[in-house]
Amino acid sequence: MPDDTTAPDQLSYEQARDELVDVVRRLETGGTGLEEALALWERGEALADRCQHWLDGARERLDAARGSDADEE
């Protein structure tokens, strides 16, 4: 599994999602200083954007597949 220094755009959907879950858990648990909390928040935002990118791509592929299915009918 990649570490938290891996650029989000290099992560698969599953890797980004799993790391995002961990970031949220760490933020909810508390006990971090302000700088660490801000860094976690920023990392979480980048991971959420990466997940959304993957989901948007999946939606486009599904829409394209449905479009070609409709063309065949």
Foldseek 3Di string as FASTA:
>chain_A
DDDLVPQLLVDDLVVLVVVLVVLVVDLVVDPDDPVVNVVSVVSNVRSVVSNVVNVVVVVVVVVVVVVVVVVVD
